[in-house]
Amino acid sequence: MPIGLIALALGGFGIGLTEFVIAGLLPEVAADFGVDAAAAGWLITGYALSVAVGALVITLAVTRLPRKQVLMGLLVFFIAGNLISALAPTYSLMLTGRIVAALCHGAFFGIGAVVAAGLVAPEKRASAIAVMFTGLTLANVLGVPFGTFVGQSFGWRATFWAITVIGVVALAGIAWLVPATPRAGAADETGQAASAGARGVRAELAAFRSTQVWLSITVTVLGFGGMFGAFTYIAYTLTEVSGFDAGVVPWLLVVFGVGLFAGNLLGGKAAERWLDPTLIVLLAALAVVLAAFALLAAIPVAAVVALVLMGAFGFGTVPGLQSRILEHAPTAPTLASSANIAAFNVGNALGAWIGGLAIAAGLGYTSPLWAGAGLTLLALVVMIAASGIDRRARAHRQARPAAAAWV
């Protein structure tokens, strides 16, 4: 395994920690700034929306620059955003810090996925991407509980100081361990002679002429929307339906994080050999698990098992989806990869919105699970269709040279 992947994973860990740890510290932050829960919630919502915007806008802005230097620059802004949050004297400045950090999120993972894929042979791309995203899953497993503990013990600002230090270490790691990437006109990280940077913005936008790129993005929005729509309200499900004490919920989320971690690595390994079949199986399994969770949520043991499986099958799709985007946008992978990161966050917002509507309609705290199962089924249908279209296109391309040989 190239050691540069560890540096990329560390950056992913810090960014993932910034995104998720705020949920556990929201009451302390709200009390410190004297705002209500709804206003404090914008520290989460504003972050997610900024991720989606930054993934596209910033990626387009840096498309002509060497990717290693871009990643380092993004981490500088990430460090600045968390430093602003740690020092913020007002709620408005705190929100500004969150937005600055979030704008780097999508571009870092999108460009980082391309760099990670370029550090290994083409058949190892999915696993390389999975290693990078291991940082994000570890942020859930270890970082969020520890960050919440630090914030509750020493004040929420201490957590953001810790994240700032992690950003500095990740920056040093990428500077030292990630190989220099070529400038425009040189061979890029995937070994192709003409880089996306050389062709500029038009070449990057050309990736969106591919039907398969759009189908992959749609699968990402629906599939991740299904899982995170259910996850958004999981604390209510676990306490109000499964009967767990509120104090147990953080540890149950650690269990969920273990599922994320395992699913990410195993899903990456499987996607290396069978990309589309792996995604189809994982989406089908996720839909079944969400439905089973809804049916069995009142049984505590069943709820815990379903929680682990929901994380495993849901996050198991991530390496494959990112790898699929790279496969179908080979001459302009950077923007397509970042757009898929934006799609993950759009899916998060979509799933949370639909789940919230279901609860508001009086359908109970298992309704987000049912809504998630429905969204995942839609993702499965799109994925099956996309795979079929791709198979027919490949067969057609293979048949044309064979037919020409007989002429």
Protein backbone atom coordinates (compact mmCIF):
# COMPACT_ATOMS: atom_id res chain seq x y z
CA MET A 1 0.00 0.00 0.00
CA PRO A 2 1.52 3.39 -0.98
CA ILE A 3 2.26 5.36 2.17
CA GLY A 4 0.76 8.46 0.58
CA LEU A 5 -2.67 6.89 1.09
CA ILE A 6 -2.15 7.18 4.87
CA ALA A 7 -1.65 10.94 4.56
CA LEU A 8 -4.81 11.21 2.45
CA ALA A 9 -6.70 9.13 5.00
CA LEU A 10 -5.51 11.40 7.82
CA GLY A 11 -6.85 14.41 5.93
CA GLY A 12 -10.13 12.54 5.47
CA PHE A 13 -10.19 11.79 9.19
CA GLY A 14 -9.88 15.46 10.12
CA ILE A 15 -12.51 16.54 7.62
CA GLY A 16 -14.89 13.79 8.70
CA LEU A 17 -14.39 14.77 12.33
CA THR A 18 -15.24 18.39 11.52
CA GLU A 19 -18.43 17.33 9.77
CA PHE A 20 -19.79 14.91 12.36
CA VAL A 21 -18.50 15.91 15.81
CA ILE A 22 -20.56 19.10 15.95
CA ALA A 23 -23.73 17.03 16.41
CA GLY A 24 -22.53 15.84 19.81
CA LEU A 25 -21.50 19.36 20.87
CA LEU A 26 -24.50 21.28 19.57
CA PRO A 27 -26.13 21.89 23.00
CA GLU A 28 -22.89 23.34 24.42
CA VAL A 29 -22.31 25.51 21.34
CA ALA A 30 -25.91 26.78 21.37
CA ALA A 31 -25.72 27.63 25.07
CA ASP A 32 -22.40 29.44 24.66
CA PHE A 33 -23.70 31.65 21.85
CA GLY A 34 -27.20 32.03 23.29
CA VAL A 35 -29.03 30.64 20.24
CA ASP A 36 -31.81 28.08 20.05
CA ALA A 37 -31.49 24.53 18.70
CA ALA A 38 -32.87 25.49 15.28
CA ALA A 39 -30.25 28.20 14.80
CA ALA A 40 -27.50 25.92 16.06
CA GLY A 41 -28.65 23.31 13.54
CA TRP A 42 -27.45 25.58 10.76
CA LEU A 43 -23.92 24.73 11.83
CA ILE A 44 -24.72 21.28 10.41
CA THR A 45 -27.04 22.21 7.54
CA GLY A 46 -24.87 25.11 6.40
CA TYR A 47 -21.86 22.81 6.39
CA ALA A 48 -23.59 20.19 4.20
CA LEU A 49 -24.79 22.78 1.68
CA SER A 50 -21.32 24.35 1.51
CA VAL A 51 -19.79 20.93 0.84
CA ALA A 52 -22.00 20.49 -2.21
CA VAL A 53 -21.20 23.98 -3.54
CA GLY A 54 -17.48 23.74 -2.85
CA ALA A 55 -17.17 20.32 -4.48
CA LEU A 56 -18.12 21.80 -7.85
CA VAL A 57 -17.03 25.44 -7.72
CA ILE A 58 -13.62 24.94 -6.14
CA THR A 59 -12.84 21.92 -8.29
CA LEU A 60 -13.54 23.93 -11.44
CA ALA A 61 -11.42 26.79 -10.13
CA VAL A 62 -8.34 24.59 -9.55
CA THR A 63 -8.66 22.23 -12.49
CA ARG A 64 -5.44 23.54 -14.15
CA LEU A 65 -3.32 23.20 -11.02
CA PRO A 66 -1.23 20.19 -9.87
CA ARG A 67 -3.41 18.05 -7.62
CA LYS A 68 -0.93 17.63 -4.77
CA GLN A 69 -0.59 21.38 -4.37
CA VAL A 70 -4.37 21.74 -4.58
CA LEU A 71 -4.84 19.22 -1.75
CA MET A 72 -2.33 21.09 0.37
CA GLY A 73 -4.07 24.39 -0.34
CA LEU A 74 -7.44 22.90 0.57
CA LEU A 75 -6.03 21.73 3.89
CA VAL A 76 -4.72 25.23 4.59
CA PHE A 77 -8.26 26.56 4.24
CA PHE A 78 -9.56 23.63 6.31
CA ILE A 79 -7.14 24.55 9.09
CA ALA A 80 -8.17 28.21 8.83
CA GLY A 81 -11.87 27.32 9.04
CA ASN A 82 -11.43 25.27 12.19
CA LEU A 83 -9.17 27.91 13.72
CA ILE A 84 -11.93 30.48 13.12
CA SER A 85 -14.41 28.12 14.80
CA ALA A 86 -12.13 27.59 17.79
CA LEU A 87 -11.67 31.33 18.30
CA ALA A 88 -15.12 32.57 17.21
CA PRO A 89 -16.54 35.14 19.66
CA THR A 90 -19.96 35.14 17.95
CA TYR A 91 -22.33 32.64 16.37
CA SER A 92 -22.00 34.34 12.96
CA LEU A 93 -18.23 33.94 12.98
CA MET A 94 -18.59 30.33 14.09
CA LEU A 95 -20.88 29.68 11.13
CA THR A 96 -18.35 31.41 8.88
CA GLY A 97 -15.63 29.07 10.11
CA ARG A 98 -17.85 26.08 9.41
CA ILE A 99 -18.53 27.30 5.87
CA VAL A 100 -14.83 27.92 5.16
CA ALA A 101 -13.95 24.40 6.32
CA ALA A 102 -16.87 22.86 4.41
CA LEU A 103 -15.96 24.48 1.10
CA CYS A 104 -12.77 22.37 1.14
CA HIS A 105 -14.53 19.11 2.00
CA GLY A 106 -15.98 18.04 -1.34
CA ALA A 107 -13.00 19.12 -3.41
CA PHE A 108 -10.58 17.36 -1.05
CA PHE A 109 -12.36 14.02 -1.26
CA GLY A 110 -13.08 14.37 -4.97
CA ILE A 111 -9.53 15.31 -5.96
CA GLY A 112 -8.06 13.05 -3.28
CA ALA A 113 -9.92 10.08 -4.73
CA VAL A 114 -8.33 10.75 -8.13
CA VAL A 115 -4.88 11.07 -6.53
CA ALA A 116 -5.42 7.89 -4.48
CA ALA A 117 -6.46 5.99 -7.61
CA GLY A 118 -3.35 7.22 -9.39
CA LEU A 119 -1.04 5.84 -6.71
CA VAL A 120 -1.93 2.23 -7.59
CA ALA A 121 -2.53 0.03 -10.60
CA PRO A 122 -5.93 0.52 -12.31
CA GLU A 123 -7.30 -2.74 -10.94
CA LYS A 124 -6.54 -1.56 -7.38
CA ARG A 125 -8.34 1.79 -7.61
CA ALA A 126 -11.39 0.84 -5.55
CA SER A 127 -9.23 -0.39 -2.67
CA ALA A 128 -7.05 2.73 -2.79
CA ILE A 129 -10.14 4.93 -2.62
CA ALA A 130 -11.41 2.78 0.25
CA VAL A 131 -8.18 3.36 2.18
CA MET A 132 -8.57 7.10 1.75
CA PHE A 133 -12.18 6.96 2.93
CA THR A 134 -11.07 4.89 5.91
CA GLY A 135 -10.21 8.23 7.50
CA LEU A 136 -13.84 9.28 7.18
CA THR A 137 -15.12 6.06 8.72
CA LEU A 138 -12.59 6.21 11.58
CA ALA A 139 -13.80 9.74 12.26
CA ASN A 140 -17.16 8.16 13.08
CA VAL A 141 -15.80 5.18 15.00
CA LEU A 142 -13.13 6.92 17.11
CA GLY A 143 -13.09 10.61 16.40
CA VAL A 144 -16.67 11.59 17.16
CA PRO A 145 -16.90 9.90 20.58
CA PHE A 146 -13.44 11.18 21.57
CA GLY A 147 -14.12 14.66 20.20
CA THR A 148 -17.42 14.81 22.05
CA PHE A 149 -15.69 13.70 25.26
CA VAL A 150 -13.01 16.36 24.85
CA GLY A 151 -15.60 19.03 24.14
CA GLN A 152 -17.74 18.10 27.12
CA SER A 153 -14.74 17.87 29.43
CA PHE A 154 -12.69 20.88 28.36
CA GLY A 155 -15.16 23.00 26.40
CA TRP A 156 -16.29 22.63 22.80
CA ARG A 157 -13.53 24.95 21.57
CA ALA A 158 -10.93 22.38 22.67
CA THR A 159 -12.33 19.96 20.11
CA PHE A 160 -11.86 22.44 17.29
CA TRP A 161 -8.32 23.18 18.47
CA ALA A 162 -7.63 19.43 18.29
CA ILE A 163 -9.08 19.26 14.75
CA THR A 164 -6.87 22.20 13.75
CA VAL A 165 -3.79 20.28 14.92
CA ILE A 166 -4.94 17.20 12.98
CA GLY A 167 -5.21 19.39 9.89
CA VAL A 168 -1.65 20.61 10.34
CA VAL A 169 -0.35 17.03 10.67
CA ALA A 170 -2.32 15.94 7.59
CA LEU A 171 -0.90 18.88 5.61
CA ALA A 172 2.64 17.89 6.57
CA GLY A 173 1.89 14.26 5.69
CA ILE A 174 0.63 15.09 2.21
CA ALA A 175 3.58 17.43 1.61
CA TRP A 176 6.01 14.70 2.60
CA LEU A 177 4.39 11.42 1.55
CA VAL A 178 2.23 12.08 -1.53
CA PRO A 179 4.25 12.10 -4.77
CA ALA A 180 4.31 15.30 -6.79
CA THR A 181 1.61 15.38 -9.43
CA PRO A 182 2.22 16.63 -12.95
CA ARG A 183 1.32 20.04 -14.23
CA ALA A 184 -1.01 20.65 -17.15
CA GLY A 185 0.14 18.89 -20.27
CA ALA A 186 1.98 16.09 -18.46
CA ALA A 187 0.73 12.60 -17.84
CA ASP A 188 -1.77 12.62 -15.02
CA GLU A 189 -2.11 10.41 -11.94
CA THR A 190 -4.04 7.78 -13.91
CA GLY A 191 -1.18 7.50 -16.41
CA GLN A 192 -2.94 9.24 -19.30
CA ALA A 193 -0.87 11.46 -21.56
CA ALA A 194 -3.20 14.44 -21.61
CA SER A 195 -4.32 15.62 -18.22
CA ALA A 196 -7.69 17.12 -17.42
CA GLY A 197 -5.85 20.21 -16.29
CA ALA A 198 -4.37 20.66 -19.77
CA ARG A 199 -7.79 20.72 -21.33
CA GLY A 200 -9.20 22.94 -18.64
CA VAL A 201 -12.75 23.58 -17.61
CA ARG A 202 -14.34 22.48 -20.89
CA ALA A 203 -12.75 19.06 -20.65
CA GLU A 204 -13.91 18.63 -17.07
CA LEU A 205 -17.45 19.65 -17.97
CA ALA A 206 -17.34 17.23 -20.90
CA ALA A 207 -17.47 14.38 -18.40
CA PHE A 208 -21.13 15.23 -17.86
CA ARG A 209 -21.95 14.27 -21.43
CA SER A 210 -21.69 10.68 -20.27
CA THR A 211 -24.99 9.05 -19.43
CA GLN A 212 -23.17 6.68 -17.10
CA VAL A 213 -21.75 9.59 -15.07
CA TRP A 214 -25.26 10.96 -14.52
CA LEU A 215 -26.63 7.52 -13.68
CA SER A 216 -23.82 6.96 -11.17
CA ILE A 217 -24.49 10.34 -9.53
CA THR A 218 -28.20 9.49 -9.33
CA VAL A 219 -27.40 6.19 -7.62
CA THR A 220 -25.20 8.07 -5.14
CA VAL A 221 -27.93 10.60 -4.29
CA LEU A 222 -30.63 7.96 -3.84
CA GLY A 223 -28.52 5.26 -2.17
CA PHE A 224 -26.81 7.56 0.32
CA GLY A 225 -30.04 9.44 0.81
CA GLY A 226 -31.62 6.17 1.87
CA MET A 227 -28.97 5.38 4.47
CA PHE A 228 -28.37 8.85 5.90
CA GLY A 229 -32.03 9.79 5.82
CA ALA A 230 -32.56 6.92 8.23
CA PHE A 231 -29.39 7.73 10.18
CA THR A 232 -30.37 11.38 10.72
CA TYR A 233 -33.20 10.34 13.05
CA ILE A 234 -31.60 7.18 14.40
CA ALA A 235 -31.29 8.56 17.96
CA TYR A 236 -35.07 8.95 18.09
CA THR A 237 -35.56 5.44 16.72
CA LEU A 238 -33.18 3.91 19.24
CA THR A 239 -34.63 5.72 22.26
CA GLU A 240 -38.33 5.99 21.42
CA VAL A 241 -38.81 2.67 19.62
CA SER A 242 -35.97 0.36 20.67
CA GLY A 243 -36.08 1.59 24.28
CA PHE A 244 -32.39 2.41 24.74
CA ASP A 245 -31.38 5.04 27.28
CA ALA A 246 -30.15 8.27 25.72
CA GLY A 247 -26.75 7.80 27.39
CA VAL A 248 -26.23 4.58 25.42
CA VAL A 249 -26.79 6.18 22.03
CA PRO A 250 -23.21 7.50 21.57
CA TRP A 251 -21.86 3.98 22.06
CA LEU A 252 -24.40 2.58 19.64
CA LEU A 253 -23.15 5.11 17.11
CA VAL A 254 -19.66 3.71 17.65
CA VAL A 255 -21.10 0.32 16.70
CA PHE A 256 -22.60 1.93 13.60
CA GLY A 257 -19.16 3.36 12.82
CA VAL A 258 -17.63 -0.12 13.02
CA GLY A 259 -20.09 -1.16 10.33
CA LEU A 260 -19.04 1.82 8.21
CA PHE A 261 -15.37 0.91 8.60
CA ALA A 262 -15.82 -2.75 7.69
CA GLY A 263 -18.19 -2.04 4.82
CA ASN A 264 -15.86 0.55 3.32
CA LEU A 265 -12.88 -1.82 3.18
CA LEU A 266 -14.78 -4.94 2.14
CA GLY A 267 -16.86 -3.03 -0.39
CA GLY A 268 -13.68 -1.64 -1.92
CA LYS A 269 -12.15 -5.11 -2.22
CA ALA A 270 -15.27 -6.54 -3.85
CA ALA A 271 -15.64 -3.60 -6.23
CA GLU A 272 -12.12 -4.22 -7.54
CA ARG A 273 -13.26 -7.51 -9.06
CA TRP A 274 -16.97 -7.01 -9.69
CA LEU A 275 -17.81 -3.32 -9.77
CA ASP A 276 -21.44 -3.16 -10.91
CA PRO A 277 -22.50 -6.51 -9.37
CA THR A 278 -21.04 -5.38 -6.02
CA LEU A 279 -23.03 -2.14 -6.09
CA ILE A 280 -26.21 -3.99 -7.04
CA VAL A 281 -25.81 -6.52 -4.22
CA LEU A 282 -24.96 -3.87 -1.63
CA LEU A 283 -27.94 -1.67 -2.56
CA ALA A 284 -30.31 -4.64 -2.48
CA ALA A 285 -28.94 -5.71 0.90
CA LEU A 286 -29.24 -2.16 2.26
CA ALA A 287 -32.89 -1.93 1.21
CA VAL A 288 -33.64 -5.23 2.94
CA VAL A 289 -31.80 -4.20 6.11
CA LEU A 290 -33.61 -0.84 6.33
CA ALA A 291 -36.99 -2.54 5.93
CA ALA A 292 -36.07 -5.21 8.48
CA PHE A 293 -34.84 -2.52 10.87
CA ALA A 294 -38.19 -0.75 10.61
CA LEU A 295 -40.05 -3.99 11.32
CA LEU A 296 -37.81 -5.14 14.19
CA ALA A 297 -36.76 -1.83 15.76
CA ALA A 298 -38.70 -2.57 18.95
CA ILE A 299 -36.37 -5.53 19.62
CA PRO A 300 -33.11 -4.08 21.03
CA VAL A 301 -30.78 -6.85 19.86
CA ALA A 302 -32.25 -6.79 16.38
CA ALA A 303 -31.90 -3.01 16.30
CA VAL A 304 -28.18 -3.19 17.11
CA VAL A 305 -27.56 -5.84 14.44
CA ALA A 306 -29.50 -3.80 11.88
CA LEU A 307 -27.55 -0.68 12.84
CA VAL A 308 -24.23 -2.39 12.10
CA LEU A 309 -25.48 -3.83 8.81
CA MET A 310 -26.98 -0.50 7.76
CA GLY A 311 -23.56 1.12 8.15
CA ALA A 312 -21.72 -1.73 6.44
CA PHE A 313 -23.94 -2.05 3.37
CA GLY A 314 -24.51 1.69 3.09
CA PHE A 315 -20.88 2.79 3.22
CA GLY A 316 -19.75 -0.31 1.33
CA THR A 317 -21.03 1.40 -1.81
CA VAL A 318 -18.72 4.43 -1.49
CA PRO A 319 -15.49 3.04 -3.03
CA GLY A 320 -17.43 1.44 -5.87
CA LEU A 321 -19.41 4.56 -6.66
CA GLN A 322 -16.27 6.71 -6.72
CA SER A 323 -14.45 4.10 -8.80
CA ARG A 324 -17.37 3.94 -11.23
CA ILE A 325 -17.26 7.69 -11.73
CA LEU A 326 -13.54 7.52 -12.53
CA GLU A 327 -14.15 4.65 -14.93
CA HIS A 328 -16.76 6.53 -16.93
CA ALA A 329 -14.98 9.91 -16.91
CA PRO A 330 -11.44 8.74 -17.75
CA THR A 331 -10.25 11.88 -19.55
CA ALA A 332 -11.74 14.34 -17.04
CA PRO A 333 -12.09 12.58 -13.69
CA THR A 334 -11.54 15.46 -11.27
CA LEU A 335 -14.83 17.35 -11.54
CA ALA A 336 -16.84 14.14 -11.94
CA SER A 337 -15.27 12.73 -8.78
CA SER A 338 -15.97 15.93 -6.84
CA ALA A 339 -19.51 16.05 -8.22
CA ASN A 340 -20.06 12.59 -6.77
CA ILE A 341 -18.91 13.85 -3.36
CA ALA A 342 -21.45 16.66 -3.73
CA ALA A 343 -24.03 14.01 -4.60
CA PHE A 344 -23.37 12.23 -1.30
CA ASN A 345 -24.24 15.43 0.55
CA VAL A 346 -27.28 16.14 -1.64
CA GLY A 347 -28.40 12.61 -0.78
CA ASN A 348 -27.89 13.35 2.91
CA ALA A 349 -30.08 16.44 2.66
CA LEU A 350 -32.72 14.69 0.54
CA GLY A 351 -32.95 11.69 2.87
CA ALA A 352 -33.12 13.88 5.98
CA TRP A 353 -35.84 16.04 4.41
CA ILE A 354 -37.99 13.07 3.39
CA GLY A 355 -37.49 11.38 6.75
CA GLY A 356 -38.47 14.60 8.51
CA LEU A 357 -41.62 14.88 6.41
CA ALA A 358 -42.55 11.32 7.35
CA ILE A 359 -42.15 12.04 11.06
CA ALA A 360 -44.05 15.33 10.76
CA ALA A 361 -46.88 13.44 9.06
CA GLY A 362 -47.26 11.35 12.22
CA LEU A 363 -45.88 8.13 10.75
CA GLY A 364 -43.61 7.48 13.74
CA TYR A 365 -39.90 7.18 14.32
CA THR A 366 -39.52 4.11 12.12
CA SER A 367 -40.84 6.03 9.11
CA PRO A 368 -37.37 7.37 8.13
CA LEU A 369 -36.25 3.75 7.85
CA TRP A 370 -39.13 2.96 5.50
CA ALA A 371 -38.40 6.13 3.52
CA GLY A 372 -34.74 5.12 3.36
CA ALA A 373 -35.66 1.66 2.09
CA GLY A 374 -37.78 3.28 -0.64
CA LEU A 375 -34.97 5.60 -1.75
CA THR A 376 -32.52 2.69 -1.76
CA LEU A 377 -34.86 0.63 -3.92
CA LEU A 378 -34.97 3.49 -6.41
CA ALA A 379 -31.17 3.55 -6.35
CA LEU A 380 -31.13 -0.19 -7.01
CA VAL A 381 -33.42 0.18 -10.02
CA VAL A 382 -31.21 2.93 -11.48
CA MET A 383 -28.06 0.90 -10.81
CA ILE A 384 -29.48 -2.20 -12.55
CA ALA A 385 -30.49 -0.07 -15.53
CA ALA A 386 -27.08 1.62 -15.65
CA SER A 387 -25.29 -1.73 -15.53
CA GLY A 388 -27.47 -3.11 -18.32
CA ILE A 389 -26.89 -0.07 -20.53
CA ASP A 390 -23.14 -0.32 -19.91
CA ARG A 391 -23.04 -4.02 -20.74
CA ARG A 392 -24.87 -3.48 -24.02
CA ALA A 393 -22.59 -0.58 -24.94
CA ARG A 394 -19.48 -2.67 -24.25
CA ALA A 395 -20.86 -5.58 -26.26
CA HIS A 396 -21.64 -3.23 -29.15
CA ARG A 397 -18.10 -1.79 -29.11
CA GLN A 398 -16.60 -5.27 -29.08
CA ALA A 399 -18.85 -6.43 -31.91
CA ARG A 400 -17.88 -3.57 -34.23
CA PRO A 401 -14.17 -4.54 -34.64
CA ALA A 402 -15.19 -8.17 -35.03
CA ALA A 403 -17.65 -7.24 -37.78
CA ALA A 404 -15.07 -5.02 -39.47
CA ALA A 405 -12.60 -7.92 -39.56
CA TRP A 406 -14.96 -9.85 -41.83
CA VAL A 407 -15.21 -7.04 -44.37
